[in-house]
Protein backbone atom coordinates (compact mmCIF):
# COMPACT_ATOMS: atom_id res chain seq x y z
CA MET A 1 0.00 0.00 0.00
CA ARG A 2 2.79 2.40 0.88
CA TRP A 3 4.17 2.39 -2.65
CA LEU A 4 0.80 2.62 -4.38
CA LEU A 5 0.69 5.74 -6.55
CA TRP A 6 -2.42 7.88 -6.30
CA ASN A 7 -4.75 8.16 -9.27
CA PRO A 8 -8.54 8.45 -9.54
CA GLU A 9 -8.99 4.69 -10.11
CA VAL A 10 -7.37 3.75 -6.77
CA HIS A 11 -8.52 6.77 -4.74
CA THR A 12 -10.77 4.71 -2.45
CA GLN A 13 -7.93 2.31 -1.57
CA PHE A 14 -6.16 5.07 0.35
CA PRO A 15 -6.89 6.16 3.93
CA VAL A 16 -9.80 8.59 4.25
CA ALA A 17 -7.46 11.29 5.61
CA LEU A 18 -5.46 11.17 2.37
CA GLN A 19 -8.62 11.07 0.25
CA ASP A 20 -9.69 14.33 1.94
CA ILE A 21 -6.30 15.92 1.22
CA MET A 22 -6.45 14.89 -2.44
CA TRP A 23 -9.99 16.28 -2.73
CA ALA A 24 -8.77 19.61 -1.34
CA VAL A 25 -5.88 19.70 -3.81
CA PHE A 26 -8.19 19.05 -6.73
CA MET A 27 -10.58 21.75 -5.53
CA SER A 28 -7.75 24.15 -6.41
CA ARG A 29 -8.62 23.39 -10.04
CA HIS A 30 -12.08 24.97 -9.66
CA GLN A 31 -12.73 28.34 -11.34
CA ARG A 32 -13.26 29.99 -7.96
CA ALA A 33 -9.76 28.95 -6.88
CA ALA A 34 -7.95 30.96 -9.57
CA ALA A 35 -5.87 32.65 -6.85
CA SER A 36 -4.24 29.30 -6.01
CA PHE A 37 -0.94 28.58 -7.74
CA LEU A 38 -2.15 24.97 -8.12
CA HIS A 39 -5.00 26.23 -10.30
CA TYR A 40 -2.61 26.69 -13.21
CA LEU A 41 -1.08 23.21 -13.13
CA ASP A 42 -2.46 20.51 -15.39
CA ASP A 43 -3.59 17.09 -14.10
CA GLU A 44 -0.30 15.35 -14.91
CA GLN A 45 1.65 17.95 -12.94
CA LEU A 46 -0.68 17.60 -9.95
CA PHE A 47 -0.45 13.79 -10.09
CA TYR A 48 3.34 14.03 -10.16
CA ILE A 49 3.42 16.32 -7.12
CA MET A 50 0.93 14.19 -5.19
CA ASN A 51 2.87 11.02 -5.90
CA MET A 52 6.11 12.58 -4.65
CA VAL A 53 4.56 13.32 -1.24
CA GLU A 54 5.29 10.71 1.44
CA TRP A 55 1.61 10.49 2.38
CA TRP A 56 2.16 7.60 4.80
CA ASP A 57 4.22 9.98 6.96
CA MET A 58 1.48 12.65 7.34
CA GLU A 59 0.09 12.91 10.89
CA PRO A 60 -3.62 12.53 9.97
CA VAL A 61 -2.82 9.45 7.89
CA LYS A 62 -0.57 7.96 10.60
CA GLU A 63 -3.32 8.42 13.18
CA GLU A 64 -5.92 6.78 10.93
CA LEU A 65 -3.65 3.84 10.11
CA LYS A 66 -2.76 3.37 13.78
CA ALA A 67 -6.46 3.35 14.73
CA HIS A 68 -7.01 0.46 12.31
CA GLU A 69 -4.07 -1.68 13.44
CA PRO A 70 -5.11 -5.06 14.81
CA LYS A 71 -4.95 -5.22 18.59
CA VAL A 72 -2.69 -7.85 20.11
CA SER A 73 -3.94 -9.54 23.23
CA THR A 74 -1.57 -9.13 26.17
CA ASP A 75 -2.30 -12.78 27.10
CA LEU A 76 -0.32 -13.83 24.07
CA LEU A 77 2.69 -11.84 25.26
CA ARG A 78 2.98 -13.49 28.69
CA PRO A 79 5.34 -16.44 28.95
CA ALA A 80 3.65 -19.77 29.38
CA SER A 81 3.64 -21.08 32.93
CA PRO A 82 5.80 -24.14 33.45
CA LYS A 83 3.98 -27.46 33.49
CA ARG A 84 3.77 -29.19 36.82
CA GLY A 85 4.23 -32.79 36.77
C-alpha cells in the first residue's frame, strides 16, 4: 500500500485522511480557486506532485492507520507457565 501511486482509479484504496487531502488539492482546479498557484497546473503535474509526497508519513494518515491496526492480546505476550508434573 505504501508504494501505491495515487490516481482516480485507486482513490478509495487510500486512507480517508489522504482522500480528503487529495480532494482539497483538486478543488484548487475549480474556477473559484484561480488565486491558487495549483490552479494553473495541469492534471499530470498535480499527479506528479501528489505522488512525490510521502503520504504515509502525514500525521492525519498515521493516526488513521494506527487506529485500524489489529490489537494484540496481552495474554499472548505473557510467557507460558511451566507445566507441573
